[in-house]
Amino acid sequence: MATAGCSGLDAGSQFPDLSVAAVDPVPLAEASADVAVERGFTGDRPATLRVALTNDADRERTVRSLMGLPFPPYDGHQYDGDGVVELVPRIEDYPDVVPAEPTRSCWAATRSAGGEDVDVGRTLAPGETFERRYVLLSAPRADGCVPAGRYRFEKERYADTGERWGFTVEATGDG
């Protein structure tokens, strides 16, 4: 079975390719979001995603959210499967979650990065973009690595709007 986020145990295996399959329109008037794969999995580092929120209004605005902007630490669930991955903001903020090296040839979280809800606000000037980088890891409760497939990351009541916002990441290849 092909897996993503793992180097595999045989010499012929390789890390999977990651791509952003879909990004929902952000449920804030005069705002936009972007999600990109900044770096794929390697033997030295897990994959990194960049999530950005831009104020497209001609005035300053404050955006509020529980657990962080533009997206909190969150689980991604595989469409048509049991795979679970986790987005973890900044390795420096979660050194006990992001391993220094793969475990059994797999980039897996050592524990969940979730915690208590913290009300976070950020004021953005007109045209300003706030971005954050996230490490993509196999969830600590997952069996093995991340199966190839599409993973949905979604936040209910995004930025106090009462609406959902999210994106989909796809892992492909023989990893």
Foldseek 3Di string as FASTA:
>chain_A
DFFAQFQDDDPPGHHWDKFWPWWDADPDPQKGKDKGFPADDDQQAFTKMKIKMWRQDQFKDKFKDWQDPPAHWFWWAFDPDGFIKIWAFDCVVPVQQFDRGADNRGGAGCAGPDDDIDMDMDMAGNGDMDMTMTGIGGYNPDDDHHHFGKIKTKDACRRVPRHMTTTIMGIDDRD
